[in-house]
């Protein structure tokens, strides 16, 4: 049960980090 909770918390974190990385790369390329 604890492992399931950890995976659930990692999903949004991974998505958020991925979006942030894409935005940073896009902004750098646009500059």
PDB file of N, CA and C in Angstrom:
ATOM      1  N   UNK A   1       0.841  -1.203   0.000  1.00  0.00           N
ATOM      2  CA  UNK A   1       0.000   0.000   0.000  1.00  0.00           C
ATOM      3  C   UNK A   1       0.875   1.252   0.000  1.00  0.00           C
ATOM      4  N   UNK A   2       1.995   1.170   0.703  1.00  0.00           N
ATOM      5  CA  UNK A   2       2.897   2.328   0.774  1.00  0.00           C
ATOM      6  C   UNK A   2       3.552   2.574  -0.582  1.00  0.00           C
ATOM      7  N   UNK A   3       3.876   1.486  -1.276  1.00  0.00           N
ATOM      8  CA  UNK A   3       4.519   1.631  -2.591  1.00  0.00           C
ATOM      9  C   UNK A   3       3.562   2.279  -3.589  1.00  0.00           C
ATOM     10  N   UNK A   4       2.286   1.915  -3.483  1.00  0.00           N
ATOM     11  CA  UNK A   4       1.291   2.474  -4.400  1.00  0.00           C
ATOM     12  C   UNK A   4       1.166   3.979  -4.195  1.00  0.00           C
ATOM     13  N   UNK A   5       1.226   4.397  -2.938  1.00  0.00           N
ATOM     14  CA  UNK A   5       1.101   5.825  -2.626  1.00  0.00           C
ATOM     15  C   UNK A   5       2.314   6.579  -3.183  1.00  0.00           C
ATOM     16  N   UNK A   6       3.477   5.959  -3.108  1.00  0.00           N
ATOM     17  CA  UNK A   6       4.697   6.613  -3.601  1.00  0.00           C
ATOM     18  C   UNK A   6       4.622   6.789  -5.119  1.00  0.00           C
ATOM     19  N   UNK A   7       4.121   5.777  -5.807  1.00  0.00           N
ATOM     20  CA  UNK A   7       4.029   5.855  -7.268  1.00  0.00           C
ATOM     21  C   UNK A   7       3.031   6.940  -7.678  1.00  0.00           C
ATOM     22  N   UNK A   8       1.965   7.063  -6.882  1.00  0.00           N
ATOM     23  CA  UNK A   8       0.924   8.050  -7.195  1.00  0.00           C
ATOM     24  C   UNK A   8       1.481   9.458  -7.030  1.00  0.00           C
ATOM     25  N   UNK A   9       2.373   9.621  -6.046  1.00  0.00           N
ATOM     26  CA  UNK A   9       2.950  10.944  -5.779  1.00  0.00           C
ATOM     27  C   UNK A   9       4.030  11.259  -6.814  1.00  0.00           C
ATOM     28  N   UNK A  10       4.606  10.216  -7.396  1.00  0.00           N
ATOM     29  CA  UNK A  10       5.692  10.426  -8.366  1.00  0.00           C
ATOM     30  C   UNK A  10       5.148  10.791  -9.741  1.00  0.00           C
ATOM     31  N   UNK A  11       3.924  10.339 -10.037  1.00  0.00           N
ATOM     32  CA  UNK A  11       3.331  10.602 -11.356  1.00  0.00           C
ATOM     33  C   UNK A  11       3.223  12.109 -11.629  1.00  0.00           C
ATOM     34  N   UNK A  12       2.524  12.865 -10.775  1.00  0.00           N
ATOM     35  CA  UNK A  12       2.380  14.314 -10.999  1.00  0.00           C
ATOM     36  C   UNK A  12       3.719  15.027 -10.929  1.00  0.00           C
ATOM     37  N   UNK A  13       4.612  14.531 -10.086  1.00  0.00           N
ATOM     38  CA  UNK A  13       5.931  15.167  -9.952  1.00  0.00           C
ATOM     39  C   UNK A  13       6.709  15.024 -11.255  1.00  0.00           C
ATOM     40  N   UNK A  14       6.681  13.826 -11.824  1.00  0.00           N
ATOM     41  CA  UNK A  14       7.408  13.577 -13.078  1.00  0.00           C
ATOM     42  C   UNK A  14       6.824  14.429 -14.201  1.00  0.00           C
ATOM     43  N   UNK A  15       5.493  14.503 -14.255  1.00  0.00           N
ATOM     44  CA  UNK A  15       4.841  15.294 -15.312  1.00  0.00           C
ATOM     45  C   UNK A  15       5.212  16.764 -15.155  1.00  0.00           C
ATOM     46  N   UNK A  16       5.164  17.260 -13.923  1.00  0.00           N
ATOM     47  CA  UNK A  16       5.492  18.672 -13.669  1.00  0.00           C
ATOM     48  C   UNK A  16       6.930  18.973 -14.061  1.00  0.00           C
ATOM     49  N   UNK A  17       7.835  18.088 -13.696  1.00  0.00           N
ATOM     50  CA  UNK A  17       9.247  18.307 -14.033  1.00  0.00           C
ATOM     51  C   UNK A  17       9.440  18.269 -15.540  1.00  0.00           C
ATOM     52  N   UNK A  18       8.756  17.358 -16.191  1.00  0.00           N
ATOM     53  CA  UNK A  18       8.872  17.246 -17.651  1.00  0.00           C
ATOM     54  C   UNK A  18       8.373  18.497 -18.341  1.00  0.00           C
ATOM     55  N   UNK A  19       7.218  19.002 -17.898  1.00  0.00           N
ATOM     56  CA  UNK A  19       6.659  20.216 -18.510  1.00  0.00           C
ATOM     57  C   UNK A  19       7.606  21.389 -18.282  1.00  0.00           C
ATOM     58  N   UNK A  20       8.127  21.495 -17.063  1.00  0.00           N
ATOM     59  CA  UNK A  20       9.039  22.601 -16.745  1.00  0.00           C
ATOM     60  C   UNK A  20      10.279  22.537 -17.637  1.00  0.00           C
ATOM     61  N   UNK A  21      10.817  21.335 -17.816  1.00  0.00           N
ATOM     62  CA  UNK A  21      12.013  21.182 -18.652  1.00  0.00           C
ATOM     63  C   UNK A  21      11.706  21.581 -20.094  1.00  0.00           C
ATOM     64  N   UNK A  22      10.547  21.171 -20.604  1.00  0.00           N
ATOM     65  CA  UNK A  22      10.173  21.503 -21.990  1.00  0.00           C
ATOM     66  C   UNK A  22      10.022  23.011 -22.139  1.00  0.00           C
ATOM     67  N   UNK A  23       9.379  23.649 -21.150  1.00  0.00           N
ATOM     68  CA  UNK A  23       9.169  25.107 -21.211  1.00  0.00           C
ATOM     69  C   UNK A  23      10.516  25.825 -21.214  1.00  0.00           C
ATOM     70  N   UNK A  24      11.423  25.379 -20.362  1.00  0.00           N
ATOM     71  CA  UNK A  24      12.750  26.020 -20.291  1.00  0.00           C
ATOM     72  C   UNK A  24      13.472  25.867 -21.624  1.00  0.00           C
ATOM     73  N   UNK A  25      13.413  24.675 -22.201  1.00  0.00           N
ATOM     74  CA  UNK A  25      14.097  24.434 -23.484  1.00  0.00           C
ATOM     75  C   UNK A  25      13.468  25.293 -24.579  1.00  0.00           C
ATOM     76  N   UNK A  26      12.132  25.362 -24.583  1.00  0.00           N
ATOM     77  CA  UNK A  26      11.437  26.162 -25.603  1.00  0.00           C
ATOM     78  C   UNK A  26      11.829  27.627 -25.471  1.00  0.00           C
ATOM     79  N   UNK A  27      11.844  28.128 -24.239  1.00  0.00           N
ATOM     80  CA  UNK A  27      12.197  29.539 -24.017  1.00  0.00           C
ATOM     81  C   UNK A  27      13.636  29.802 -24.447  1.00  0.00           C
ATOM     82  N   UNK A  28      14.529  28.828 -24.169  1.00  0.00           N
ATOM     83  CA  UNK A  28      15.938  29.011 -24.539  1.00  0.00           C
ATOM     84  C   UNK A  28      16.090  29.026 -26.060  1.00  0.00           C
ATOM     85  N   UNK A  29      15.352  28.159 -26.738  1.00  0.00           N
ATOM     86  CA  UNK A  29      15.442  28.100 -28.202  1.00  0.00           C
ATOM     87  C   UNK A  29      14.817  29.341 -28.821  1.00  0.00           C
ATOM     88  N   UNK A  30      13.770  29.864 -28.163  1.00  0.00           N
ATOM     89  CA  UNK A  30      13.066  31.026 -28.705  1.00  0.00           C
ATOM     90  C   UNK A  30      13.904  32.288 -28.540  1.00  0.00           C
ATOM     91  N   UNK A  31      14.748  32.304 -27.489  1.00  0.00           N
ATOM     92  CA  UNK A  31      15.513  33.519 -27.193  1.00  0.00           C
ATOM     93  C   UNK A  31      16.369  33.904 -28.382  1.00  0.00           C
TER      94      UNK A  31
END
